[in-house]
Amino acid sequence: MVYIFDGTMQGFLTAFPRAYTDENALLTSKQAQLPLGEEVCTVTTNPTLAQKISERLTSFDRDAMSDLDTLLRSGMPDNEQIAFRYFHLLATVKRPVGKRLATPEVFAAVTCMKRVGLEIHRLHGFVRFMETASGALYAPITPDNDICDLLLPHFRARLTNYPFVLHDIRRKKAVVYDGKNAFNAYLPHADVVISADEQAWQCLWKEYYQSVNIPSRERLKQMRAELPVRYRTHLPELQIQPIGFSDE
């Protein structure tokens, strides 16, 4: 049976006990073509039940909820089923299973979580903020995983007195920091006008990149390893014109 939940941790924890006894259970919140003949059960989130299941799983592994949060943030298409199989094993053996890497369920979950952590680490260096005409900083990102809010502590510590917006364009969400407080916001689109200083800095940055780049000594394989192509969209040094923004 296919158990459909709302994509939240509470939704997952509500669906988990219902799917636990089903050998062929599939947990998902995604719109996808279902296997032919599969029955569908739409699970309504129950915060009380979710809390009980959370406490139960945490009694087996104190890091259970942190792991679940990471798994549900993954951009892998089957991340929710990976999470279900991992926590099914945890609930069965009733002790931490994270080090059982020879077990397929564990290996898949650990791999998934490592990819999330790696992307957070990479974006600490690949995010490019630009100064807007209002003086606030703005950075568009398109991460593989849902990690926008997890990047906040790093940049908040480094831009303590500067208001900024970190915008996940793909998921239409943003983290907004006003110089004192931070909050999450739904942001389907952003019309950004960059400042004159920002235009000048971007020009200098591009000139520097061109000056240190030696076409005859390119190491394309190494460049792709150090700076994956999917992260280059919002790097001004690699763009002729910042995509989707007005410089007027």
C-alpha atoms as a PDB file:
ATOM      1  CA  MET A   1       0.000   0.000   0.000  1.00  0.00           C
ATOM      2  CA  VAL A   2       1.103   3.563  -0.685  1.00  0.00           C
ATOM      3  CA  TYR A   3       0.857   5.851   2.345  1.00  0.00           C
ATOM      4  CA  ILE A   4       0.702   9.515   1.381  1.00  0.00           C
ATOM      5  CA  PHE A   5       1.589  12.144   3.991  1.00  0.00           C
ATOM      6  CA  ASP A   6       2.074  15.899   3.886  1.00  0.00           C
ATOM      7  CA  GLY A   7       5.878  15.901   3.700  1.00  0.00           C
ATOM      8  CA  THR A   8       6.432  17.153   7.253  1.00  0.00           C
ATOM      9  CA  MET A   9       8.141  15.332  10.107  1.00  0.00           C
ATOM     10  CA  GLN A  10       4.841  15.127  11.973  1.00  0.00           C
ATOM     11  CA  GLY A  11       3.177  13.711   8.881  1.00  0.00           C
ATOM     12  CA  PHE A  12       5.886  11.076   8.495  1.00  0.00           C
ATOM     13  CA  LEU A  13       5.688  10.097  12.172  1.00  0.00           C
ATOM     14  CA  THR A  14       1.896   9.805  11.916  1.00  0.00           C
ATOM     15  CA  ALA A  15       2.129   7.522   8.885  1.00  0.00           C
ATOM     16  CA  PHE A  16       5.008   5.452  10.247  1.00  0.00           C
ATOM     17  CA  PRO A  17       3.097   3.169  12.672  1.00  0.00           C
ATOM     18  CA  ARG A  18       0.424   2.499  10.043  1.00  0.00           C
ATOM     19  CA  ALA A  19       3.024   1.455   7.479  1.00  0.00           C
ATOM     20  CA  TYR A  20       5.277  -0.395   9.919  1.00  0.00           C
ATOM     21  CA  THR A  21       3.366  -3.691   9.734  1.00  0.00           C
ATOM     22  CA  ASP A  22       2.959  -3.524   5.950  1.00  0.00           C
ATOM     23  CA  GLU A  23       5.778  -5.444   4.255  1.00  0.00           C
ATOM     24  CA  ASN A  24       5.202  -3.641   0.956  1.00  0.00           C
ATOM     25  CA  ALA A  25       4.586  -0.181   2.366  1.00  0.00           C
ATOM     26  CA  LEU A  26       5.632   2.870   0.394  1.00  0.00           C
ATOM     27  CA  LEU A  27       5.715   6.257   2.161  1.00  0.00           C
ATOM     28  CA  THR A  28       5.687   9.368   0.022  1.00  0.00           C
ATOM     29  CA  SER A  29       4.490  12.952  -0.145  1.00  0.00           C
ATOM     30  CA  LYS A  30       5.438  13.431  -3.788  1.00  0.00           C
ATOM     31  CA  GLN A  31       3.181  13.581  -6.797  1.00  0.00           C
ATOM     32  CA  ALA A  32       4.254  10.607  -8.841  1.00  0.00           C
ATOM     33  CA  GLN A  33       2.910   7.791 -10.990  1.00  0.00           C
ATOM     34  CA  LEU A  34       1.850   5.063  -8.553  1.00  0.00           C
ATOM     35  CA  PRO A  35       2.506   1.372  -9.255  1.00  0.00           C
ATOM     36  CA  LEU A  36      -0.377  -0.275 -11.098  1.00  0.00           C
ATOM     37  CA  GLY A  37      -2.884  -1.836  -8.724  1.00  0.00           C
ATOM     38  CA  GLU A  38      -1.473  -0.245  -5.572  1.00  0.00           C
ATOM     39  CA  GLU A  39      -3.927   0.920  -2.946  1.00  0.00           C
ATOM     40  CA  VAL A  40      -3.528   4.438  -1.611  1.00  0.00           C
ATOM     41  CA  CYS A  41      -3.968   5.588   1.966  1.00  0.00           C
ATOM     42  CA  THR A  42      -3.854   9.328   2.614  1.00  0.00           C
ATOM     43  CA  VAL A  43      -2.694   9.908   6.183  1.00  0.00           C
ATOM     44  CA  THR A  44      -3.913  12.963   8.074  1.00  0.00           C
ATOM     45  CA  THR A  45      -1.253  14.398  10.370  1.00  0.00           C
ATOM     46  CA  ASN A  46      -1.884  13.786  14.060  1.00  0.00           C
ATOM     47  CA  PRO A  47       0.476  15.899  16.231  1.00  0.00           C
ATOM     48  CA  THR A  48      -0.288  13.885  19.395  1.00  0.00           C
ATOM     49  CA  LEU A  49       0.502  10.560  17.748  1.00  0.00           C
ATOM     50  CA  ALA A  50       3.552  12.064  16.041  1.00  0.00           C
ATOM     51  CA  GLN A  51       4.914  13.178  19.421  1.00  0.00           C
ATOM     52  CA  LYS A  52       4.471   9.683  20.862  1.00  0.00           C
ATOM     53  CA  ILE A  53       6.255   8.049  17.937  1.00  0.00           C
ATOM     54  CA  SER A  54       9.016  10.665  18.147  1.00  0.00           C
ATOM     55  CA  GLU A  55       9.593   9.884  21.809  1.00  0.00           C
ATOM     56  CA  ARG A  56       9.558   6.153  21.097  1.00  0.00           C
ATOM     57  CA  LEU A  57      12.134   6.355  18.312  1.00  0.00           C
ATOM     58  CA  THR A  58      14.289   8.748  20.330  1.00  0.00           C
ATOM     59  CA  SER A  59      14.343   6.195  23.170  1.00  0.00           C
ATOM     60  CA  PHE A  60      16.065   3.832  20.715  1.00  0.00           C
ATOM     61  CA  ASP A  61      18.428   6.442  19.289  1.00  0.00           C
ATOM     62  CA  ARG A  62      18.810   9.948  20.696  1.00  0.00           C
ATOM     63  CA  ASP A  63      19.742  11.261  17.234  1.00  0.00           C
ATOM     64  CA  ALA A  64      16.662   9.798  15.564  1.00  0.00           C
ATOM     65  CA  MET A  65      14.781  13.058  15.012  1.00  0.00           C
ATOM     66  CA  SER A  66      17.861  14.866  13.773  1.00  0.00           C
ATOM     67  CA  ASP A  67      18.438  12.044  11.279  1.00  0.00           C
ATOM     68  CA  LEU A  68      14.802  12.141  10.196  1.00  0.00           C
ATOM     69  CA  ASP A  69      14.951  15.897   9.628  1.00  0.00           C
ATOM     70  CA  THR A  70      18.067  15.465   7.473  1.00  0.00           C
ATOM     71  CA  LEU A  71      16.561  12.631   5.441  1.00  0.00           C
ATOM     72  CA  LEU A  72      13.361  14.538   4.729  1.00  0.00           C
ATOM     73  CA  ARG A  73      15.425  17.504   3.508  1.00  0.00           C
ATOM     74  CA  SER A  74      17.181  15.375   0.921  1.00  0.00           C
ATOM     75  CA  GLY A  75      16.482  16.048  -2.721  1.00  0.00           C
ATOM     76  CA  MET A  76      16.794  12.375  -3.656  1.00  0.00           C
ATOM     77  CA  PRO A  77      13.544  11.182  -5.288  1.00  0.00           C
ATOM     78  CA  ASP A  78      13.132   8.239  -2.894  1.00  0.00           C
ATOM     79  CA  ASN A  79      14.364   9.938   0.278  1.00  0.00           C
ATOM     80  CA  GLU A  80      11.111   9.383   2.184  1.00  0.00           C
ATOM     81  CA  GLN A  81      11.126   5.662   1.492  1.00  0.00           C
ATOM     82  CA  ILE A  82      14.801   5.529   2.469  1.00  0.00           C
ATOM     83  CA  ALA A  83      13.842   7.206   5.747  1.00  0.00           C
ATOM     84  CA  PHE A  84      10.997   4.726   6.292  1.00  0.00           C
ATOM     85  CA  ARG A  85      13.195   1.658   5.755  1.00  0.00           C
ATOM     86  CA  TYR A  86      15.878   3.111   8.043  1.00  0.00           C
ATOM     87  CA  PHE A  87      13.460   3.833  10.877  1.00  0.00           C
ATOM     88  CA  HIS A  88      11.675   0.529  10.335  1.00  0.00           C
ATOM     89  CA  LEU A  89      14.996  -1.171  11.086  1.00  0.00           C
ATOM     90  CA  LEU A  90      15.586   1.085  14.092  1.00  0.00           C
ATOM     91  CA  ALA A  91      12.123   0.302  15.519  1.00  0.00           C
ATOM     92  CA  THR A  92      12.709  -3.405  14.937  1.00  0.00           C
ATOM     93  CA  VAL A  93      16.090  -3.777  16.667  1.00  0.00           C
ATOM     94  CA  LYS A  94      15.362  -1.028  19.230  1.00  0.00           C
ATOM     95  CA  ARG A  95      18.920   0.303  19.320  1.00  0.00           C
ATOM     96  CA  PRO A  96      21.049   2.664  17.172  1.00  0.00           C
ATOM     97  CA  VAL A  97      21.716   1.251  13.709  1.00  0.00           C
ATOM     98  CA  GLY A  98      23.699   4.066  12.109  1.00  0.00           C
ATOM     99  CA  LYS A  99      26.962   2.122  12.089  1.00  0.00           C
ATOM    100  CA  ARG A 100      25.546  -0.948  10.342  1.00  0.00           C
ATOM    101  CA  LEU A 101      26.783   0.189   6.951  1.00  0.00           C
ATOM    102  CA  ALA A 102      26.684  -3.345   5.541  1.00  0.00           C
ATOM    103  CA  THR A 103      22.900  -3.204   5.864  1.00  0.00           C
ATOM    104  CA  PRO A 104      21.320  -1.769   2.683  1.00  0.00           C
ATOM    105  CA  GLU A 105      18.770   0.339   4.587  1.00  0.00           C
ATOM    106  CA  VAL A 106      21.469   1.955   6.691  1.00  0.00           C
ATOM    107  CA  PHE A 107      23.903   2.475   3.829  1.00  0.00           C
ATOM    108  CA  ALA A 108      21.224   4.222   1.769  1.00  0.00           C
ATOM    109  CA  ALA A 109      20.210   6.494   4.671  1.00  0.00           C
ATOM    110  CA  VAL A 110      23.774   7.389   5.653  1.00  0.00           C
ATOM    111  CA  THR A 111      24.640   8.155   2.021  1.00  0.00           C
ATOM    112  CA  CYS A 112      21.579  10.368   1.770  1.00  0.00           C
ATOM    113  CA  MET A 113      22.451  12.274   4.962  1.00  0.00           C
ATOM    114  CA  LYS A 114      26.071  12.721   3.905  1.00  0.00           C
ATOM    115  CA  ARG A 115      24.965  14.340   0.648  1.00  0.00           C
ATOM    116  CA  VAL A 116      22.902  16.867   2.576  1.00  0.00           C
ATOM    117  CA  GLY A 117      25.830  17.672   4.861  1.00  0.00           C
ATOM    118  CA  LEU A 118      28.235  17.963   1.939  1.00  0.00           C
ATOM    119  CA  GLU A 119      25.996  20.435   0.140  1.00  0.00           C
ATOM    120  CA  ILE A 120      25.721  22.608   3.257  1.00  0.00           C
ATOM    121  CA  HIS A 121      29.522  22.657   3.460  1.00  0.00           C
ATOM    122  CA  ARG A 122      29.869  23.522  -0.225  1.00  0.00           C
ATOM    123  CA  LEU A 123      27.356  26.345  -0.151  1.00  0.00           C
ATOM    124  CA  HIS A 124      29.184  27.990   2.726  1.00  0.00           C
ATOM    125  CA  GLY A 125      31.745  28.837   0.055  1.00  0.00           C
ATOM    126  CA  PHE A 126      29.680  28.972  -3.129  1.00  0.00           C
ATOM    127  CA  VAL A 127      26.959  31.419  -2.046  1.00  0.00           C
ATOM    128  CA  ARG A 128      27.438  34.892  -3.535  1.00  0.00           C
ATOM    129  CA  PHE A 129      25.631  37.804  -1.900  1.00  0.00           C
ATOM    130  CA  MET A 130      24.999  40.946  -3.912  1.00  0.00           C
ATOM    131  CA  GLU A 131      24.275  44.393  -2.553  1.00  0.00           C
ATOM    132  CA  THR A 132      20.858  45.726  -3.576  1.00  0.00           C
ATOM    133  CA  ALA A 133      19.873  49.346  -4.086  1.00  0.00           C
ATOM    134  CA  SER A 134      18.245  49.316  -0.634  1.00  0.00           C
ATOM    135  CA  GLY A 135      21.515  48.285   1.008  1.00  0.00           C
ATOM    136  CA  ALA A 136      20.387  44.779   1.942  1.00  0.00           C
ATOM    137  CA  LEU A 137      22.257  41.736   0.665  1.00  0.00           C
ATOM    138  CA  TYR A 138      20.601  39.140  -1.544  1.00  0.00           C
ATOM    139  CA  ALA A 139      21.793  35.673  -2.582  1.00  0.00           C
ATOM    140  CA  PRO A 140      19.891  33.325  -4.900  1.00  0.00           C
ATOM    141  CA  ILE A 141      20.583  29.600  -4.582  1.00  0.00           C
ATOM    142  CA  THR A 142      19.229  26.425  -6.188  1.00  0.00           C
ATOM    143  CA  PRO A 143      20.422  23.625  -3.882  1.00  0.00           C
ATOM    144  CA  ASP A 144      19.663  19.974  -4.507  1.00  0.00           C
ATOM    145  CA  ASN A 145      18.448  19.650  -0.918  1.00  0.00           C
ATOM    146  CA  ASP A 146      16.092  21.709   1.248  1.00  0.00           C
ATOM    147  CA  ILE A 147      18.810  23.400   3.307  1.00  0.00           C
ATOM    148  CA  CYS A 148      18.144  27.145   3.022  1.00  0.00           C
ATOM    149  CA  ASP A 149      17.461  27.628   6.747  1.00  0.00           C
ATOM    150  CA  LEU A 150      20.405  25.406   7.701  1.00  0.00           C
ATOM    151  CA  LEU A 151      22.754  27.892   6.011  1.00  0.00           C
ATOM    152  CA  LEU A 152      21.500  30.735   8.199  1.00  0.00           C
ATOM    153  CA  PRO A 153      23.783  30.243  11.262  1.00  0.00           C
ATOM    154  CA  HIS A 154      26.926  30.353   9.110  1.00  0.00           C
ATOM    155  CA  PHE A 155      26.060  33.587   7.317  1.00  0.00           C
ATOM    156  CA  ARG A 156      24.393  35.213  10.310  1.00  0.00           C
ATOM    157  CA  ALA A 157      27.651  34.803  12.247  1.00  0.00           C
ATOM    158  CA  ARG A 158      29.620  36.459   9.436  1.00  0.00           C
ATOM    159  CA  LEU A 159      27.153  39.185   8.474  1.00  0.00           C
ATOM    160  CA  THR A 160      26.071  40.097  11.983  1.00  0.00           C
ATOM    161  CA  ASN A 161      24.981  43.675  11.279  1.00  0.00           C
ATOM    162  CA  TYR A 162      23.927  43.314   7.646  1.00  0.00           C
ATOM    163  CA  PRO A 163      20.356  42.466   6.628  1.00  0.00           C
ATOM    164  CA  PHE A 164      20.273  39.735   4.009  1.00  0.00           C
ATOM    165  CA  VAL A 165      17.974  37.401   2.119  1.00  0.00           C
ATOM    166  CA  LEU A 166      19.006  33.869   1.193  1.00  0.00           C
ATOM    167  CA  HIS A 167      16.561  32.761  -1.513  1.00  0.00           C
ATOM    168  CA  ASP A 168      15.984  29.145  -2.556  1.00  0.00           C
ATOM    169  CA  ILE A 169      14.535  29.822  -5.991  1.00  0.00           C
ATOM    170  CA  ARG A 170      13.632  26.211  -6.753  1.00  0.00           C
ATOM    171  CA  ARG A 171      11.525  25.769  -3.611  1.00  0.00           C
ATOM    172  CA  LYS A 172      10.227  29.360  -3.580  1.00  0.00           C
ATOM    173  CA  LYS A 173      11.327  29.962   0.004  1.00  0.00           C
ATOM    174  CA  ALA A 174      13.780  32.277   1.704  1.00  0.00           C
ATOM    175  CA  VAL A 175      15.523  32.999   4.968  1.00  0.00           C
ATOM    176  CA  VAL A 176      15.354  36.692   5.839  1.00  0.00           C
ATOM    177  CA  TYR A 177      17.676  38.326   8.388  1.00  0.00           C
ATOM    178  CA  ASP A 178      16.984  41.964   9.312  1.00  0.00           C
ATOM    179  CA  GLY A 179      20.206  42.505  11.275  1.00  0.00           C
ATOM    180  CA  LYS A 180      18.674  41.274  14.540  1.00  0.00           C
ATOM    181  CA  ASN A 181      16.061  38.637  13.859  1.00  0.00           C
ATOM    182  CA  ALA A 182      15.649  35.936  11.252  1.00  0.00           C
ATOM    183  CA  PHE A 183      12.583  34.236   9.832  1.00  0.00           C
ATOM    184  CA  ASN A 184      11.514  31.946   6.994  1.00  0.00           C
ATOM    185  CA  ALA A 185       9.313  33.295   4.214  1.00  0.00           C
ATOM    186  CA  TYR A 186       7.498  32.073   1.124  1.00  0.00           C
ATOM    187  CA  LEU A 187       9.115  33.866  -1.806  1.00  0.00           C
ATOM    188  CA  PRO A 188       8.015  32.737  -5.277  1.00  0.00           C
ATOM    189  CA  HIS A 189       9.864  35.537  -7.058  1.00  0.00           C
ATOM    190  CA  ALA A 190      12.234  38.394  -6.275  1.00  0.00           C
ATOM    191  CA  ASP A 191      12.754  41.525  -8.365  1.00  0.00           C
ATOM    192  CA  VAL A 192      16.181  42.683  -7.299  1.00  0.00           C
ATOM    193  CA  VAL A 193      17.886  45.920  -8.325  1.00  0.00           C
ATOM    194  CA  ILE A 194      21.581  45.809  -7.547  1.00  0.00           C
ATOM    195  CA  SER A 195      23.476  48.880  -6.385  1.00  0.00           C
ATOM    196  CA  ALA A 196      26.026  50.778  -8.461  1.00  0.00           C
ATOM    197  CA  ASP A 197      28.781  49.606  -6.118  1.00  0.00           C
ATOM    198  CA  GLU A 198      27.697  46.019  -6.626  1.00  0.00           C
ATOM    199  CA  GLN A 199      27.896  46.408 -10.393  1.00  0.00           C
ATOM    200  CA  ALA A 200      31.438  47.745 -10.050  1.00  0.00           C
ATOM    201  CA  TRP A 201      32.479  44.933  -7.715  1.00  0.00           C
ATOM    202  CA  GLN A 202      31.056  42.304 -10.040  1.00  0.00           C
ATOM    203  CA  CYS A 203      33.005  43.778 -12.938  1.00  0.00           C
ATOM    204  CA  LEU A 204      36.210  43.712 -10.898  1.00  0.00           C
ATOM    205  CA  TRP A 205      35.520  40.157  -9.797  1.00  0.00           C
ATOM    206  CA  LYS A 206      35.053  39.034 -13.405  1.00  0.00           C
ATOM    207  CA  GLU A 207      38.240  40.821 -14.482  1.00  0.00           C
ATOM    208  CA  TYR A 208      40.165  39.115 -11.678  1.00  0.00           C
ATOM    209  CA  TYR A 209      38.788  35.711 -12.669  1.00  0.00           C
ATOM    210  CA  GLN A 210      39.791  36.280 -16.283  1.00  0.00           C
ATOM    211  CA  SER A 211      43.259  37.473 -15.299  1.00  0.00           C
ATOM    212  CA  VAL A 212      44.075  34.359 -13.281  1.00  0.00           C
ATOM    213  CA  ASN A 213      42.495  31.973 -15.774  1.00  0.00           C
ATOM    214  CA  ILE A 214      44.992  30.483 -18.224  1.00  0.00           C
ATOM    215  CA  PRO A 215      43.066  28.817 -21.086  1.00  0.00           C
ATOM    216  CA  SER A 216      46.086  26.801 -22.217  1.00  0.00           C
ATOM    217  CA  ARG A 217      46.425  25.257 -18.755  1.00  0.00           C
ATOM    218  CA  GLU A 218      42.803  24.500 -17.930  1.00  0.00           C
ATOM    219  CA  ARG A 219      42.123  21.534 -15.674  1.00  0.00           C
ATOM    220  CA  LEU A 220      38.478  20.941 -16.516  1.00  0.00           C
ATOM    221  CA  LYS A 221      38.123  17.673 -14.596  1.00  0.00           C
ATOM    222  CA  GLN A 222      39.663  19.215 -11.487  1.00  0.00           C
ATOM    223  CA  MET A 223      37.503  22.334 -11.876  1.00  0.00           C
ATOM    224  CA  ARG A 224      34.333  20.235 -11.992  1.00  0.00           C
ATOM    225  CA  ALA A 225      35.420  18.334  -8.890  1.00  0.00           C
ATOM    226  CA  GLU A 226      36.177  21.509  -6.926  1.00  0.00           C
ATOM    227  CA  LEU A 227      33.246  23.542  -8.315  1.00  0.00           C
ATOM    228  CA  PRO A 228      30.402  21.359  -9.667  1.00  0.00           C
ATOM    229  CA  VAL A 229      28.640  22.781 -12.697  1.00  0.00           C
ATOM    230  CA  ARG A 230      25.251  22.901 -10.931  1.00  0.00           C
ATOM    231  CA  TYR A 231      26.578  25.514  -8.476  1.00  0.00           C
ATOM    232  CA  ARG A 232      27.898  27.921 -11.125  1.00  0.00           C
ATOM    233  CA  THR A 233      24.570  29.490 -12.089  1.00  0.00           C
ATOM    234  CA  HIS A 234      24.735  32.232  -9.458  1.00  0.00           C
ATOM    235  CA  LEU A 235      28.486  32.905  -9.448  1.00  0.00           C
ATOM    236  CA  PRO A 236      28.998  36.377 -10.980  1.00  0.00           C
ATOM    237  CA  GLU A 237      32.563  35.624 -12.044  1.00  0.00           C
ATOM    238  CA  LEU A 238      31.216  32.944 -14.381  1.00  0.00           C
ATOM    239  CA  GLN A 239      28.275  34.930 -15.738  1.00  0.00           C
ATOM    240  CA  ILE A 240      28.130  37.581 -18.438  1.00  0.00           C
ATOM    241  CA  GLN A 241      25.016  39.088 -16.859  1.00  0.00           C
ATOM    242  CA  PRO A 242      23.374  38.047 -13.558  1.00  0.00           C
ATOM    243  CA  ILE A 243      20.392  36.000 -14.662  1.00  0.00           C
ATOM    244  CA  GLY A 244      16.951  37.325 -13.802  1.00  0.00           C
ATOM    245  CA  PHE A 245      18.047  40.596 -12.236  1.00  0.00           C
ATOM    246  CA  SER A 246      17.799  44.212 -13.293  1.00  0.00           C
ATOM    247  CA  ASP A 247      20.802  46.493 -13.108  1.00  0.00           C
ATOM    248  CA  GLU A 248      18.791  49.640 -13.698  1.00  0.00           C
END
